């Protein structure tokens, strides 16, 4: 099969012919129809996440159809359309797994990081961590839901019943989450890169009640703020934007250093929390909610062999919505 392979000696992927991976026990073999390009992929190839399993096929927003199943797979069938997310395996035995917090597993496997992913014509995946998708769904449109959507939804859960929510960084995750928030009758305040009028217009079109630059102050105190941009300086800014008892949720796997800030900005029981990975329960809740809310993704398709271009467009903020590779 064709695959885009990362060897760790620079940020570029090489197009290669590699052996088709047979499914082992408990696994499924999937022909890839689409694979979203996530900022986490960028952190991997830019060397910001340590010790990827090299050589590596990145990609963890995978949509495809099952071609074969390994021994012991019961709930999935050949021909079924499925999705493969970031969390690709857990041990099932550590205290976190036993407590239903599998996103914090002590011995996890991550698709496109420690396990080969979907920047390829095919992949294998642990059947336990594969989501059944609607047979009539659009693979390109649904691919960003496998991470941008799922992680965004977990961030929204951390925000509790917050009515006024600020989104710092309005890209793949925020444009999905904004639609969920508006459907739930919350108020969305969108903070973008200074001068990014395209992103600001995009946020307005999706129902944001206020749009501004990331260095501006919202017109009212916020109940919660979710930071999708990997920029540590946004944490103190978001703290200043939330009201007493408010919460700042950091939604990325990597962030630049957070600068010091006065204790007064944290005082009055404000909180800073991070979101790590996802759980299968998140998927069971999110996909029906996304369908109910009529979530529509803004996508830019790229052929598989233009993966480097897609990553570079993401790296330099040239995308509105989400890039998706189509083998």
C-alpha atoms as a PDB file:
ATOM      1  CA  UNK A   1       0.000   0.000   0.000  1.00  0.00           C
ATOM      2  CA  UNK A   2       0.982   3.650  -0.339  1.00  0.00           C
ATOM      3  CA  UNK A   3       1.737   5.458   2.891  1.00  0.00           C
ATOM      4  CA  UNK A   4       3.224   8.744   4.054  1.00  0.00           C
ATOM      5  CA  UNK A   5       5.971   7.804   6.503  1.00  0.00           C
ATOM      6  CA  UNK A   6       7.715   9.872   9.181  1.00  0.00           C
ATOM      7  CA  UNK A   7      11.319   8.848   9.932  1.00  0.00           C
ATOM      8  CA  UNK A   8      12.101  11.448  12.596  1.00  0.00           C
ATOM      9  CA  UNK A   9      14.928  13.142  10.704  1.00  0.00           C
ATOM     10  CA  UNK A  10      12.965  16.258   9.802  1.00  0.00           C
ATOM     11  CA  UNK A  11       9.391  17.500   9.597  1.00  0.00           C
ATOM     12  CA  UNK A  12       8.657  16.049   6.154  1.00  0.00           C
ATOM     13  CA  UNK A  13       6.991  12.733   5.388  1.00  0.00           C
ATOM     14  CA  UNK A  14       8.105  10.460   2.565  1.00  0.00           C
ATOM     15  CA  UNK A  15       5.734   8.652   0.221  1.00  0.00           C
ATOM     16  CA  UNK A  16       6.530   4.944   0.293  1.00  0.00           C
ATOM     17  CA  UNK A  17       5.209   1.527  -0.633  1.00  0.00           C
ATOM     18  CA  UNK A  18       4.865  -0.554   2.537  1.00  0.00           C
ATOM     19  CA  UNK A  19       3.491  -3.997   3.293  1.00  0.00           C
ATOM     20  CA  UNK A  20      -0.216  -4.291   3.970  1.00  0.00           C
ATOM     21  CA  UNK A  21      -0.658  -4.900   7.718  1.00  0.00           C
ATOM     22  CA  UNK A  22      -2.620  -8.099   8.478  1.00  0.00           C
ATOM     23  CA  UNK A  23      -5.107  -7.916  11.379  1.00  0.00           C
ATOM     24  CA  UNK A  24      -4.009  -9.745  14.509  1.00  0.00           C
ATOM     25  CA  UNK A  25      -6.286 -11.127  17.213  1.00  0.00           C
ATOM     26  CA  UNK A  26      -8.770  -8.507  18.334  1.00  0.00           C
ATOM     27  CA  UNK A  27      -7.937  -6.220  15.404  1.00  0.00           C
ATOM     28  CA  UNK A  28      -9.645  -5.100  12.217  1.00  0.00           C
ATOM     29  CA  UNK A  29      -8.114  -4.296   8.827  1.00  0.00           C
ATOM     30  CA  UNK A  30      -9.515  -1.094   7.319  1.00  0.00           C
ATOM     31  CA  UNK A  31      -9.308   0.435   3.857  1.00  0.00           C
ATOM     32  CA  UNK A  32      -8.898   4.152   4.589  1.00  0.00           C
ATOM     33  CA  UNK A  33     -11.409   6.464   2.909  1.00  0.00           C
ATOM     34  CA  UNK A  34     -10.284   9.675   4.618  1.00  0.00           C
ATOM     35  CA  UNK A  35      -7.955  10.792   7.399  1.00  0.00           C
ATOM     36  CA  UNK A  36      -8.092  14.195   9.043  1.00  0.00           C
ATOM     37  CA  UNK A  37      -4.937  16.237   9.587  1.00  0.00           C
ATOM     38  CA  UNK A  38      -4.778  17.240  13.239  1.00  0.00           C
ATOM     39  CA  UNK A  39      -2.564  19.694  15.083  1.00  0.00           C
ATOM     40  CA  UNK A  40      -1.311  16.744  17.128  1.00  0.00           C
ATOM     41  CA  UNK A  41       0.100  15.277  13.903  1.00  0.00           C
ATOM     42  CA  UNK A  42       1.956  18.543  13.488  1.00  0.00           C
ATOM     43  CA  UNK A  43       3.350  18.298  17.024  1.00  0.00           C
ATOM     44  CA  UNK A  44       4.592  14.783  16.207  1.00  0.00           C
ATOM     45  CA  UNK A  45       6.396  15.655  12.953  1.00  0.00           C
ATOM     46  CA  UNK A  46       7.751  18.930  14.368  1.00  0.00           C
ATOM     47  CA  UNK A  47       9.388  17.020  17.238  1.00  0.00           C
ATOM     48  CA  UNK A  48       7.271  18.590  19.975  1.00  0.00           C
ATOM     49  CA  UNK A  49       5.997  15.207  21.206  1.00  0.00           C
ATOM     50  CA  UNK A  50       8.752  12.857  22.370  1.00  0.00           C
ATOM     51  CA  UNK A  51       9.521   9.306  21.292  1.00  0.00           C
ATOM     52  CA  UNK A  52       7.126   8.523  18.452  1.00  0.00           C
ATOM     53  CA  UNK A  53       7.339   4.921  17.241  1.00  0.00           C
ATOM     54  CA  UNK A  54       9.600   5.266  14.198  1.00  0.00           C
ATOM     55  CA  UNK A  55       9.229   4.748  11.327  1.00  0.00           C
ATOM     56  CA  UNK A  56       5.690   6.010  11.774  1.00  0.00           C
ATOM     57  CA  UNK A  57       2.584   6.459   9.660  1.00  0.00           C
ATOM     58  CA  UNK A  58       0.809   9.441  11.275  1.00  0.00           C
ATOM     59  CA  UNK A  59      -2.919  10.167  11.348  1.00  0.00           C
ATOM     60  CA  UNK A  60      -5.621   9.506  13.928  1.00  0.00           C
ATOM     61  CA  UNK A  61      -8.846  10.858  12.436  1.00  0.00           C
ATOM     62  CA  UNK A  62      -9.459   7.792  10.292  1.00  0.00           C
ATOM     63  CA  UNK A  63     -12.624   6.867   8.431  1.00  0.00           C
ATOM     64  CA  UNK A  64     -12.785   3.696   6.379  1.00  0.00           C
ATOM     65  CA  UNK A  65     -14.420   0.350   5.732  1.00  0.00           C
ATOM     66  CA  UNK A  66     -13.517  -2.945   7.342  1.00  0.00           C
ATOM     67  CA  UNK A  67     -11.968  -5.412   4.925  1.00  0.00           C
ATOM     68  CA  UNK A  68     -11.083  -8.179   7.392  1.00  0.00           C
ATOM     69  CA  UNK A  69     -11.383  -8.982  11.094  1.00  0.00           C
ATOM     70  CA  UNK A  70      -8.965 -10.846  13.335  1.00  0.00           C
ATOM     71  CA  UNK A  71      -9.755 -13.651  15.743  1.00  0.00           C
ATOM     72  CA  UNK A  72     -12.048 -12.707  18.601  1.00  0.00           C
ATOM     73  CA  UNK A  73     -13.682  -9.690  16.959  1.00  0.00           C
ATOM     74  CA  UNK A  74     -17.455  -9.934  17.365  1.00  0.00           C
ATOM     75  CA  UNK A  75     -19.215  -6.563  17.248  1.00  0.00           C
ATOM     76  CA  UNK A  76     -17.740  -5.326  13.943  1.00  0.00           C
ATOM     77  CA  UNK A  77     -18.327  -6.723  10.448  1.00  0.00           C
ATOM     78  CA  UNK A  78     -16.633  -6.738   7.064  1.00  0.00           C
ATOM     79  CA  UNK A  79     -17.915  -3.871   4.925  1.00  0.00           C
ATOM     80  CA  UNK A  80     -18.898  -1.697   7.888  1.00  0.00           C
ATOM     81  CA  UNK A  81     -17.868   1.976   7.916  1.00  0.00           C
ATOM     82  CA  UNK A  82     -15.896   2.822  11.047  1.00  0.00           C
ATOM     83  CA  UNK A  83     -13.744   5.506  12.611  1.00  0.00           C
ATOM     84  CA  UNK A  84     -10.420   5.179  14.419  1.00  0.00           C
ATOM     85  CA  UNK A  85      -9.510   7.859  17.022  1.00  0.00           C
ATOM     86  CA  UNK A  86      -6.343   8.997  18.835  1.00  0.00           C
ATOM     87  CA  UNK A  87      -6.710   6.552  21.740  1.00  0.00           C
ATOM     88  CA  UNK A  88      -6.006   3.257  20.010  1.00  0.00           C
ATOM     89  CA  UNK A  89      -5.323   0.844  22.863  1.00  0.00           C
ATOM     90  CA  UNK A  90      -5.343   0.632  26.656  1.00  0.00           C
ATOM     91  CA  UNK A  91      -4.078  -1.978  29.073  1.00  0.00           C
ATOM     92  CA  UNK A  92      -7.427  -2.445  30.842  1.00  0.00           C
ATOM     93  CA  UNK A  93      -5.628  -3.373  34.067  1.00  0.00           C
ATOM     94  CA  UNK A  94      -4.114  -0.204  35.562  1.00  0.00           C
ATOM     95  CA  UNK A  95      -5.961   1.758  38.287  1.00  0.00           C
ATOM     96  CA  UNK A  96      -7.144   4.340  35.755  1.00  0.00           C
ATOM     97  CA  UNK A  97      -8.632   1.754  33.395  1.00  0.00           C
ATOM     98  CA  UNK A  98     -10.248  -0.029  36.321  1.00  0.00           C
ATOM     99  CA  UNK A  99     -11.822   3.247  37.460  1.00  0.00           C
ATOM    100  CA  UNK A 100     -13.307   4.000  34.028  1.00  0.00           C
ATOM    101  CA  UNK A 101     -10.680   6.650  33.257  1.00  0.00           C
ATOM    102  CA  UNK A 102      -9.077   4.894  30.308  1.00  0.00           C
ATOM    103  CA  UNK A 103      -7.942   8.219  28.835  1.00  0.00           C
ATOM    104  CA  UNK A 104      -5.308   8.249  31.621  1.00  0.00           C
ATOM    105  CA  UNK A 105      -4.149   4.634  31.091  1.00  0.00           C
ATOM    106  CA  UNK A 106      -0.613   3.876  32.284  1.00  0.00           C
ATOM    107  CA  UNK A 107       0.214   1.826  29.158  1.00  0.00           C
ATOM    108  CA  UNK A 108      -1.772   3.299  26.274  1.00  0.00           C
ATOM    109  CA  UNK A 109      -1.323   3.133  22.525  1.00  0.00           C
ATOM    110  CA  UNK A 110      -1.972   6.214  20.424  1.00  0.00           C
ATOM    111  CA  UNK A 111      -2.967   6.054  16.783  1.00  0.00           C
ATOM    112  CA  UNK A 112      -0.499   7.862  14.565  1.00  0.00           C
ATOM    113  CA  UNK A 113       2.027   8.282  17.395  1.00  0.00           C
ATOM    114  CA  UNK A 114       2.892   4.955  19.007  1.00  0.00           C
ATOM    115  CA  UNK A 115       0.717   2.962  16.583  1.00  0.00           C
ATOM    116  CA  UNK A 116       0.659   3.389  12.817  1.00  0.00           C
ATOM    117  CA  UNK A 117      -2.195   5.584  11.666  1.00  0.00           C
ATOM    118  CA  UNK A 118      -4.210   6.617   8.662  1.00  0.00           C
ATOM    119  CA  UNK A 119      -1.907   8.578   6.331  1.00  0.00           C
ATOM    120  CA  UNK A 120      -2.075   5.483   4.149  1.00  0.00           C
ATOM    121  CA  UNK A 121      -4.363   3.420   1.982  1.00  0.00           C
ATOM    122  CA  UNK A 122      -5.050   0.985   4.826  1.00  0.00           C
ATOM    123  CA  UNK A 123      -4.489   0.434   8.532  1.00  0.00           C
ATOM    124  CA  UNK A 124      -5.175  -1.992  11.353  1.00  0.00           C
ATOM    125  CA  UNK A 125      -6.791  -1.022  14.643  1.00  0.00           C
ATOM    126  CA  UNK A 126      -7.761  -2.512  17.996  1.00  0.00           C
ATOM    127  CA  UNK A 127     -11.444  -3.361  17.494  1.00  0.00           C
ATOM    128  CA  UNK A 128     -12.250  -2.184  21.030  1.00  0.00           C
ATOM    129  CA  UNK A 129     -11.274   1.362  20.038  1.00  0.00           C
ATOM    130  CA  UNK A 130     -13.088   1.560  16.718  1.00  0.00           C
ATOM    131  CA  UNK A 131     -16.349   3.500  16.436  1.00  0.00           C
ATOM    132  CA  UNK A 132     -19.188   2.354  14.179  1.00  0.00           C
ATOM    133  CA  UNK A 133     -20.226   5.163  11.828  1.00  0.00           C
ATOM    134  CA  UNK A 134     -23.323   5.690   9.737  1.00  0.00           C
ATOM    135  CA  UNK A 135     -23.085   3.854   6.445  1.00  0.00           C
ATOM    136  CA  UNK A 136     -24.338   6.890   4.512  1.00  0.00           C
ATOM    137  CA  UNK A 137     -21.954   9.370   6.169  1.00  0.00           C
ATOM    138  CA  UNK A 138     -19.471  11.403   4.113  1.00  0.00           C
ATOM    139  CA  UNK A 139     -15.972  10.128   5.024  1.00  0.00           C
ATOM    140  CA  UNK A 140     -14.292  13.493   4.419  1.00  0.00           C
ATOM    141  CA  UNK A 141     -16.882  15.428   6.422  1.00  0.00           C
ATOM    142  CA  UNK A 142     -16.887  13.055   9.372  1.00  0.00           C
ATOM    143  CA  UNK A 143     -13.096  12.558   9.680  1.00  0.00           C
ATOM    144  CA  UNK A 144     -12.483  15.699  11.816  1.00  0.00           C
ATOM    145  CA  UNK A 145     -15.031  14.452  14.343  1.00  0.00           C
ATOM    146  CA  UNK A 146     -12.646  11.608  15.291  1.00  0.00           C
ATOM    147  CA  UNK A 147     -10.335  13.971  17.207  1.00  0.00           C
ATOM    148  CA  UNK A 148     -11.192  17.643  16.800  1.00  0.00           C
ATOM    149  CA  UNK A 149     -14.780  16.739  17.598  1.00  0.00           C
ATOM    150  CA  UNK A 150     -14.145  14.205  20.335  1.00  0.00           C
ATOM    151  CA  UNK A 151     -11.499  16.239  22.160  1.00  0.00           C
ATOM    152  CA  UNK A 152     -13.609  19.366  21.742  1.00  0.00           C
ATOM    153  CA  UNK A 153     -16.561  17.551  23.258  1.00  0.00           C
ATOM    154  CA  UNK A 154     -14.460  16.419  26.232  1.00  0.00           C
ATOM    155  CA  UNK A 155     -13.416  20.057  26.717  1.00  0.00           C
ATOM    156  CA  UNK A 156     -17.051  21.096  26.631  1.00  0.00           C
ATOM    157  CA  UNK A 157     -17.868  18.493  29.282  1.00  0.00           C
ATOM    158  CA  UNK A 158     -15.150  20.018  31.480  1.00  0.00           C
ATOM    159  CA  UNK A 159     -16.885  23.376  31.084  1.00  0.00           C
ATOM    160  CA  UNK A 160     -19.938  21.970  32.856  1.00  0.00           C
ATOM    161  CA  UNK A 161     -23.083  24.039  32.470  1.00  0.00           C
ATOM    162  CA  UNK A 162     -21.208  27.207  31.480  1.00  0.00           C
ATOM    163  CA  UNK A 163     -23.489  29.557  29.555  1.00  0.00           C
ATOM    164  CA  UNK A 164     -20.883  31.976  28.203  1.00  0.00           C
ATOM    165  CA  UNK A 165     -17.849  30.177  26.743  1.00  0.00           C
ATOM    166  CA  UNK A 166     -14.755  31.661  25.151  1.00  0.00           C
ATOM    167  CA  UNK A 167     -12.920  29.718  22.431  1.00  0.00           C
ATOM    168  CA  UNK A 168      -9.267  30.698  22.011  1.00  0.00           C
ATOM    169  CA  UNK A 169      -8.191  29.534  18.549  1.00  0.00           C
ATOM    170  CA  UNK A 170     -10.939  29.020  15.993  1.00  0.00           C
ATOM    171  CA  UNK A 171      -9.890  26.082  13.848  1.00  0.00           C
ATOM    172  CA  UNK A 172     -10.892  22.458  13.388  1.00  0.00           C
ATOM    173  CA  UNK A 173     -12.029  21.765  16.961  1.00  0.00           C
ATOM    174  CA  UNK A 174     -13.633  25.128  17.683  1.00  0.00           C
ATOM    175  CA  UNK A 175     -15.723  25.212  14.524  1.00  0.00           C
ATOM    176  CA  UNK A 176     -17.256  21.836  15.466  1.00  0.00           C
ATOM    177  CA  UNK A 177     -17.709  22.689  19.122  1.00  0.00           C
ATOM    178  CA  UNK A 178     -19.257  26.075  18.369  1.00  0.00           C
ATOM    179  CA  UNK A 179     -22.115  24.342  16.576  1.00  0.00           C
ATOM    180  CA  UNK A 180     -22.711  22.059  19.566  1.00  0.00           C
ATOM    181  CA  UNK A 181     -22.598  25.004  21.978  1.00  0.00           C
ATOM    182  CA  UNK A 182     -25.044  27.078  19.912  1.00  0.00           C
ATOM    183  CA  UNK A 183     -27.362  24.069  19.656  1.00  0.00           C
ATOM    184  CA  UNK A 184     -27.265  23.845  23.458  1.00  0.00           C
ATOM    185  CA  UNK A 185     -28.169  27.552  23.664  1.00  0.00           C
ATOM    186  CA  UNK A 186     -24.818  28.618  25.048  1.00  0.00           C
ATOM    187  CA  UNK A 187     -23.136  31.874  24.035  1.00  0.00           C
ATOM    188  CA  UNK A 188     -19.884  31.537  22.082  1.00  0.00           C
ATOM    189  CA  UNK A 189     -17.146  34.175  22.305  1.00  0.00           C
ATOM    190  CA  UNK A 190     -14.461  33.561  19.664  1.00  0.00           C
ATOM    191  CA  UNK A 191     -10.855  34.734  20.094  1.00  0.00           C
ATOM    192  CA  UNK A 192      -8.656  34.456  16.983  1.00  0.00           C
ATOM    193  CA  UNK A 193      -5.164  35.369  15.880  1.00  0.00           C
ATOM    194  CA  UNK A 194      -4.937  39.168  15.669  1.00  0.00           C
ATOM    195  CA  UNK A 195      -6.092  40.292  12.256  1.00  0.00           C
ATOM    196  CA  UNK A 196      -7.429  36.910  11.127  1.00  0.00           C
ATOM    197  CA  UNK A 197     -10.605  38.309   9.588  1.00  0.00           C
ATOM    198  CA  UNK A 198     -11.406  35.046   7.755  1.00  0.00           C
ATOM    199  CA  UNK A 199     -11.525  33.096  11.025  1.00  0.00           C
ATOM    200  CA  UNK A 200     -13.553  35.868  12.634  1.00  0.00           C
ATOM    201  CA  UNK A 201     -16.114  35.853   9.826  1.00  0.00           C
ATOM    202  CA  UNK A 202     -16.190  32.052  10.058  1.00  0.00           C
ATOM    203  CA  UNK A 203     -16.978  32.255  13.802  1.00  0.00           C
ATOM    204  CA  UNK A 204     -19.750  34.805  13.232  1.00  0.00           C
ATOM    205  CA  UNK A 205     -21.320  32.608  10.569  1.00  0.00           C
ATOM    206  CA  UNK A 206     -21.390  29.723  13.060  1.00  0.00           C
ATOM    207  CA  UNK A 207     -23.271  31.778  15.630  1.00  0.00           C
ATOM    208  CA  UNK A 208     -20.630  33.408  17.838  1.00  0.00           C
ATOM    209  CA  UNK A 209     -22.167  36.320  19.759  1.00  0.00           C
ATOM    210  CA  UNK A 210     -18.817  38.130  19.963  1.00  0.00           C
ATOM    211  CA  UNK A 211     -15.627  37.834  17.937  1.00  0.00           C
ATOM    212  CA  UNK A 212     -12.265  39.469  18.597  1.00  0.00           C
ATOM    213  CA  UNK A 213      -8.504  39.105  18.665  1.00  0.00           C
ATOM    214  CA  UNK A 214      -6.883  36.880  21.270  1.00  0.00           C
ATOM    215  CA  UNK A 215      -5.377  39.945  22.950  1.00  0.00           C
ATOM    216  CA  UNK A 216      -8.770  41.649  23.354  1.00  0.00           C
ATOM    217  CA  UNK A 217     -11.091  41.531  26.371  1.00  0.00           C
ATOM    218  CA  UNK A 218     -14.572  40.056  26.056  1.00  0.00           C
ATOM    219  CA  UNK A 219     -17.404  42.511  26.728  1.00  0.00           C
ATOM    220  CA  UNK A 220     -18.708  40.411  29.639  1.00  0.00           C
ATOM    221  CA  UNK A 221     -17.099  37.971  32.112  1.00  0.00           C
ATOM    222  CA  UNK A 222     -17.125  34.395  30.816  1.00  0.00           C
ATOM    223  CA  UNK A 223     -18.236  31.284  32.678  1.00  0.00           C
ATOM    224  CA  UNK A 224     -15.508  29.201  31.032  1.00  0.00           C
ATOM    225  CA  UNK A 225     -12.823  29.418  28.371  1.00  0.00           C
ATOM    226  CA  UNK A 226     -11.444  26.636  26.179  1.00  0.00           C
ATOM    227  CA  UNK A 227      -7.975  27.058  24.706  1.00  0.00           C
ATOM    228  CA  UNK A 228      -7.348  25.152  21.468  1.00  0.00           C
ATOM    229  CA  UNK A 229      -4.336  27.163  20.281  1.00  0.00           C
ATOM    230  CA  UNK A 230      -1.033  25.750  21.622  1.00  0.00           C
ATOM    231  CA  UNK A 231      -0.019  29.140  23.001  1.00  0.00           C
ATOM    232  CA  UNK A 232       0.796  29.313  26.708  1.00  0.00           C
ATOM    233  CA  UNK A 233       0.363  33.094  26.901  1.00  0.00           C
ATOM    234  CA  UNK A 234      -3.356  32.570  26.333  1.00  0.00           C
ATOM    235  CA  UNK A 235      -3.769  30.903  29.746  1.00  0.00           C
ATOM    236  CA  UNK A 236      -3.332  34.075  31.817  1.00  0.00           C
ATOM    237  CA  UNK A 237      -5.452  35.977  29.275  1.00  0.00           C
ATOM    238  CA  UNK A 238      -8.244  33.424  29.596  1.00  0.00           C
ATOM    239  CA  UNK A 239      -8.016  33.506  33.390  1.00  0.00           C
ATOM    240  CA  UNK A 240      -8.584  37.241  33.307  1.00  0.00           C
ATOM    241  CA  UNK A 241     -11.578  36.704  31.012  1.00  0.00           C
ATOM    242  CA  UNK A 242     -13.482  34.254  33.246  1.00  0.00           C
ATOM    243  CA  UNK A 243     -15.591  35.301  36.197  1.00  0.00           C
ATOM    244  CA  UNK A 244     -15.195  34.171  39.807  1.00  0.00           C
ATOM    245  CA  UNK A 245     -15.426  30.380  39.961  1.00  0.00           C
ATOM    246  CA  UNK A 246     -14.755  30.202  36.215  1.00  0.00           C
ATOM    247  CA  UNK A 247     -12.725  27.496  34.542  1.00  0.00           C
ATOM    248  CA  UNK A 248     -10.019  27.586  31.859  1.00  0.00           C
ATOM    249  CA  UNK A 249      -9.726  24.336  29.898  1.00  0.00           C
ATOM    250  CA  UNK A 250      -6.545  23.581  27.944  1.00  0.00           C
ATOM    251  CA  UNK A 251      -7.579  21.309  25.087  1.00  0.00           C
ATOM    252  CA  UNK A 252      -4.257  20.527  23.396  1.00  0.00           C
ATOM    253  CA  UNK A 253      -1.701  17.784  23.963  1.00  0.00           C
ATOM    254  CA  UNK A 254       1.140  20.310  23.655  1.00  0.00           C
ATOM    255  CA  UNK A 255       1.403  23.975  24.617  1.00  0.00           C
ATOM    256  CA  UNK A 256       4.216  26.484  24.784  1.00  0.00           C
ATOM    257  CA  UNK A 257       5.295  27.510  28.286  1.00  0.00           C
ATOM    258  CA  UNK A 258       2.741  29.342  30.377  1.00  0.00           C
ATOM    259  CA  UNK A 259       4.180  32.646  31.648  1.00  0.00           C
ATOM    260  CA  UNK A 260       3.895  33.691  35.261  1.00  0.00           C
ATOM    261  CA  UNK A 261       0.841  35.652  36.298  1.00  0.00           C
ATOM    262  CA  UNK A 262      -0.327  37.309  39.526  1.00  0.00           C
ATOM    263  CA  UNK A 263      -2.182  35.138  41.989  1.00  0.00           C
ATOM    264  CA  UNK A 264      -5.053  37.622  41.868  1.00  0.00           C
ATOM    265  CA  UNK A 265      -5.888  36.297  38.381  1.00  0.00           C
ATOM    266  CA  UNK A 266      -6.442  32.814  39.840  1.00  0.00           C
ATOM    267  CA  UNK A 267      -8.063  33.940  43.066  1.00  0.00           C
ATOM    268  CA  UNK A 268     -11.802  33.524  43.715  1.00  0.00           C
ATOM    269  CA  UNK A 269     -11.732  29.792  42.926  1.00  0.00           C
ATOM    270  CA  UNK A 270     -10.901  30.109  39.248  1.00  0.00           C
ATOM    271  CA  UNK A 271      -9.470  26.870  37.854  1.00  0.00           C
ATOM    272  CA  UNK A 272      -7.063  25.730  35.125  1.00  0.00           C
ATOM    273  CA  UNK A 273      -7.579  22.160  33.886  1.00  0.00           C
ATOM    274  CA  UNK A 274      -6.237  20.113  30.990  1.00  0.00           C
ATOM    275  CA  UNK A 275      -7.937  17.560  28.784  1.00  0.00           C
ATOM    276  CA  UNK A 276      -6.061  14.351  28.004  1.00  0.00           C
ATOM    277  CA  UNK A 277      -7.093  11.995  25.210  1.00  0.00           C
ATOM    278  CA  UNK A 278     -10.649  10.626  25.150  1.00  0.00           C
ATOM    279  CA  UNK A 279     -12.734   7.697  26.296  1.00  0.00           C
ATOM    280  CA  UNK A 280     -15.051   5.397  24.395  1.00  0.00           C
ATOM    281  CA  UNK A 281     -17.888   6.898  26.422  1.00  0.00           C
ATOM    282  CA  UNK A 282     -17.064  10.286  24.921  1.00  0.00           C
ATOM    283  CA  UNK A 283     -17.652   8.813  21.470  1.00  0.00           C
ATOM    284  CA  UNK A 284     -20.880   7.117  22.477  1.00  0.00           C
ATOM    285  CA  UNK A 285     -22.197  10.480  23.678  1.00  0.00           C
ATOM    286  CA  UNK A 286     -20.692  12.765  21.066  1.00  0.00           C
ATOM    287  CA  UNK A 287     -21.585  11.173  17.733  1.00  0.00           C
ATOM    288  CA  UNK A 288     -25.360  11.086  18.404  1.00  0.00           C
ATOM    289  CA  UNK A 289     -25.187  14.662  19.748  1.00  0.00           C
ATOM    290  CA  UNK A 290     -23.316  15.869  16.655  1.00  0.00           C
ATOM    291  CA  UNK A 291     -25.973  14.297  14.426  1.00  0.00           C
ATOM    292  CA  UNK A 292     -28.784  15.784  16.522  1.00  0.00           C
ATOM    293  CA  UNK A 293     -27.183  19.227  16.389  1.00  0.00           C
ATOM    294  CA  UNK A 294     -26.681  18.979  12.628  1.00  0.00           C
ATOM    295  CA  UNK A 295     -22.925  19.589  12.882  1.00  0.00           C
ATOM    296  CA  UNK A 296     -21.354  20.371   9.519  1.00  0.00           C
ATOM    297  CA  UNK A 297     -17.587  20.373   9.165  1.00  0.00           C
ATOM    298  CA  UNK A 298     -15.618  22.782   7.008  1.00  0.00           C
ATOM    299  CA  UNK A 299     -12.977  20.671   5.260  1.00  0.00           C
ATOM    300  CA  UNK A 300     -10.209  21.072   2.711  1.00  0.00           C
ATOM    301  CA  UNK A 301      -9.432  17.737   0.971  1.00  0.00           C
ATOM    302  CA  UNK A 302      -5.877  16.873  -0.108  1.00  0.00           C
ATOM    303  CA  UNK A 303      -4.644  13.794  -1.988  1.00  0.00           C
ATOM    304  CA  UNK A 304      -2.575  11.481   0.204  1.00  0.00           C
ATOM    305  CA  UNK A 305       0.681  12.446  -1.504  1.00  0.00           C
ATOM    306  CA  UNK A 306       0.137  16.097  -0.537  1.00  0.00           C
ATOM    307  CA  UNK A 307       0.214  15.361   3.199  1.00  0.00           C
ATOM    308  CA  UNK A 308       3.258  17.607   3.660  1.00  0.00           C
ATOM    309  CA  UNK A 309       1.398  20.484   2.049  1.00  0.00           C
ATOM    310  CA  UNK A 310      -1.600  19.923   4.310  1.00  0.00           C
ATOM    311  CA  UNK A 311       0.620  19.910   7.394  1.00  0.00           C
ATOM    312  CA  UNK A 312       2.372  23.077   6.250  1.00  0.00           C
ATOM    313  CA  UNK A 313      -0.919  24.846   5.635  1.00  0.00           C
ATOM    314  CA  UNK A 314      -1.975  23.926   9.171  1.00  0.00           C
ATOM    315  CA  UNK A 315       1.409  24.976  10.555  1.00  0.00           C
ATOM    316  CA  UNK A 316       1.103  28.460   9.062  1.00  0.00           C
ATOM    317  CA  UNK A 317      -2.595  29.054   9.757  1.00  0.00           C
ATOM    318  CA  UNK A 318      -3.687  28.928   6.124  1.00  0.00           C
ATOM    319  CA  UNK A 319      -6.688  26.672   6.786  1.00  0.00           C
ATOM    320  CA  UNK A 320     -10.282  27.500   7.591  1.00  0.00           C
ATOM    321  CA  UNK A 321     -11.720  24.378   9.166  1.00  0.00           C
ATOM    322  CA  UNK A 322      -9.902  21.057   8.824  1.00  0.00           C
ATOM    323  CA  UNK A 323      -7.571  19.462   6.280  1.00  0.00           C
ATOM    324  CA  UNK A 324      -8.446  15.897   5.285  1.00  0.00           C
ATOM    325  CA  UNK A 325      -6.279  13.436   3.319  1.00  0.00           C
ATOM    326  CA  UNK A 326      -8.070  11.259   0.762  1.00  0.00           C
ATOM    327  CA  UNK A 327      -6.094   8.199  -0.405  1.00  0.00           C
END
